[in-house]
Protein backbone atom coordinates (compact mmCIF):
# COMPACT_ATOMS: atom_id res chain seq x y z
CA UNK A 1 61.31 74.76 146.65
CA UNK A 2 60.32 73.09 149.92
CA UNK A 3 62.48 70.26 151.11
CA UNK A 4 61.07 67.66 153.38
CA UNK A 5 62.98 65.27 155.58
CA UNK A 6 61.43 62.23 157.30
CA UNK A 7 62.84 60.44 160.27
CA UNK A 8 61.67 58.15 162.99
CA UNK A 9 61.45 54.88 161.04
CA UNK A 10 62.95 51.73 162.21
CA UNK A 11 62.30 47.99 163.10
CA UNK A 12 59.56 47.30 165.60
CA UNK A 13 57.56 44.19 166.80
CA UNK A 14 54.03 43.85 166.01
CA UNK A 15 51.88 45.72 168.49
CA UNK A 16 54.58 48.41 169.00
CA UNK A 17 54.62 52.00 168.19
CA UNK A 18 56.67 54.51 166.24
CA UNK A 19 56.51 58.19 165.68
CA UNK A 20 57.53 59.56 162.34
CA UNK A 21 58.61 63.13 161.82
CA UNK A 22 58.56 65.24 158.73
CA UNK A 23 60.58 68.49 158.98
CA UNK A 24 60.13 71.20 156.19
CA UNK A 25 62.83 73.48 155.11
CA UNK A 26 60.51 76.47 155.44
CA UNK A 27 57.66 77.60 157.49
CA UNK A 28 54.71 75.11 157.23
CA UNK A 29 51.88 77.32 158.08
CA UNK A 30 50.78 77.36 154.40
CA UNK A 31 51.34 73.68 153.60
CA UNK A 32 48.90 70.93 153.60
CA UNK A 33 50.99 67.86 154.44
CA UNK A 34 50.39 64.17 154.00
CA UNK A 35 51.90 60.90 154.62
CA UNK A 36 51.93 58.00 152.04
CA UNK A 37 53.64 54.59 152.16
CA UNK A 38 54.93 52.25 149.58
CA UNK A 39 55.61 48.61 150.18
CA UNK A 40 57.83 46.58 147.78
CA UNK A 41 55.92 45.82 144.49
CA UNK A 42 52.97 47.89 145.49
CA UNK A 43 51.76 51.40 144.54
CA UNK A 44 52.27 54.26 146.88
CA UNK A 45 49.17 54.63 149.07
CA UNK A 46 47.75 57.43 151.06
CA UNK A 47 47.94 57.10 154.84
CA UNK A 48 47.04 60.50 156.36
CA UNK A 49 46.91 64.26 155.68
CA UNK A 50 46.58 67.40 157.77
CA UNK A 51 45.56 70.97 156.71
CA UNK A 52 47.95 73.93 157.07
CA UNK A 53 46.39 75.01 160.44
CA UNK A 54 46.03 71.48 161.74
CA UNK A 55 42.33 71.92 162.06
CA UNK A 56 41.42 69.21 159.62
CA UNK A 57 42.71 65.73 159.04
CA UNK A 58 41.96 62.91 156.74
CA UNK A 59 43.17 59.28 157.60
CA UNK A 60 42.92 56.12 155.54
CA UNK A 61 40.40 53.59 156.78
CA UNK A 62 43.06 50.88 157.08
CA UNK A 63 44.87 52.93 159.79
CA UNK A 64 42.36 55.14 161.22
CA UNK A 65 41.99 53.60 164.54
CA UNK A 66 45.81 53.23 165.02
CA UNK A 67 47.57 56.13 163.28
CA UNK A 68 47.31 59.90 164.17
CA UNK A 69 48.62 62.76 162.19
CA UNK A 70 49.50 66.02 163.93
CA UNK A 71 51.67 69.08 163.36
CA UNK A 72 53.69 71.72 165.19
CA UNK A 73 54.06 74.77 162.83
CA UNK A 74 56.39 76.39 165.22
CA UNK A 75 58.92 73.54 164.54
CA UNK A 76 57.96 73.18 160.85
CA UNK A 77 57.24 69.60 161.69
CA UNK A 78 54.39 67.07 160.89
CA UNK A 79 54.12 63.90 162.90
CA UNK A 80 52.61 60.47 162.36
CA UNK A 81 52.03 58.51 165.53
CA UNK A 82 51.63 54.84 164.66
CA UNK A 83 50.37 52.49 167.21
CA UNK A 84 49.45 48.84 167.32
CA UNK A 85 51.68 48.28 164.25
CA UNK A 86 51.11 45.21 162.16
CA UNK A 87 53.43 43.48 159.74
CA UNK A 88 51.35 44.81 156.83
CA UNK A 89 52.33 48.32 157.90
CA UNK A 90 55.90 47.52 156.73
CA UNK A 91 56.76 50.02 153.97
CA UNK A 92 58.74 53.23 153.20
CA UNK A 93 56.85 56.07 154.51
CA UNK A 94 56.98 59.30 152.56
CA UNK A 95 55.97 62.94 153.57
CA UNK A 96 54.31 65.01 150.89
CA UNK A 97 53.24 68.62 150.86
CA UNK A 98 51.43 71.18 148.77
CA UNK A 99 51.16 74.93 149.17
CA UNK A 100 47.51 74.91 150.14
CA UNK A 101 45.65 75.92 153.26
CA UNK A 102 42.94 73.28 153.02
CA UNK A 103 42.63 69.62 152.40
CA UNK A 104 41.40 68.96 148.89
CA UNK A 105 39.27 65.95 147.75
CA UNK A 106 42.55 65.20 145.76
CA UNK A 107 44.77 64.92 148.79
CA UNK A 108 44.81 61.27 148.70
CA UNK A 109 46.36 61.21 145.20
CA UNK A 110 50.12 61.39 144.73
CA UNK A 111 49.74 63.85 141.85
CA UNK A 112 48.22 66.59 144.05
CA UNK A 113 51.37 67.01 146.13
CA UNK A 114 54.24 69.22 144.88
CA UNK A 115 56.94 68.28 147.36
CA UNK A 116 58.14 64.91 148.56
CA UNK A 117 60.68 63.60 151.05
CA UNK A 118 63.02 60.72 150.46
CA UNK A 119 61.19 58.38 152.88
CA UNK A 120 61.85 56.43 155.90
CA UNK A 121 61.74 52.67 156.28
CA UNK A 122 59.31 51.12 158.70
CA UNK A 123 59.57 47.36 159.22
CA UNK A 124 57.17 45.49 161.53
CA UNK A 125 58.21 42.06 162.64
CA UNK A 126 55.59 39.41 163.42
């Protein structure tokens, strides 16, 4: 059972930046990892994903020019760098993972992921 722990959330003004971290309880070299977010009253939505090696990424169009996913397998950590934040980016951000080397076409669905973190709150003020 892989445990995922997110950190790095907080309150930031519009236009600011945050970097989220997702630390896994075991080596991440065989895990495809994704970030999702969920705002109050809304469904959980895909943000970005990265393959086990880090060679392939997938990013939602709504954040593509502002968010970057990366990973450091030596530290069992996946990052989400968020720049030019907007109030509509406010949500609980979740890290998710599946034991897979490659990104599937299903990576953007919540059902594809086997492991989830508890989430970290991001609030962007206008």
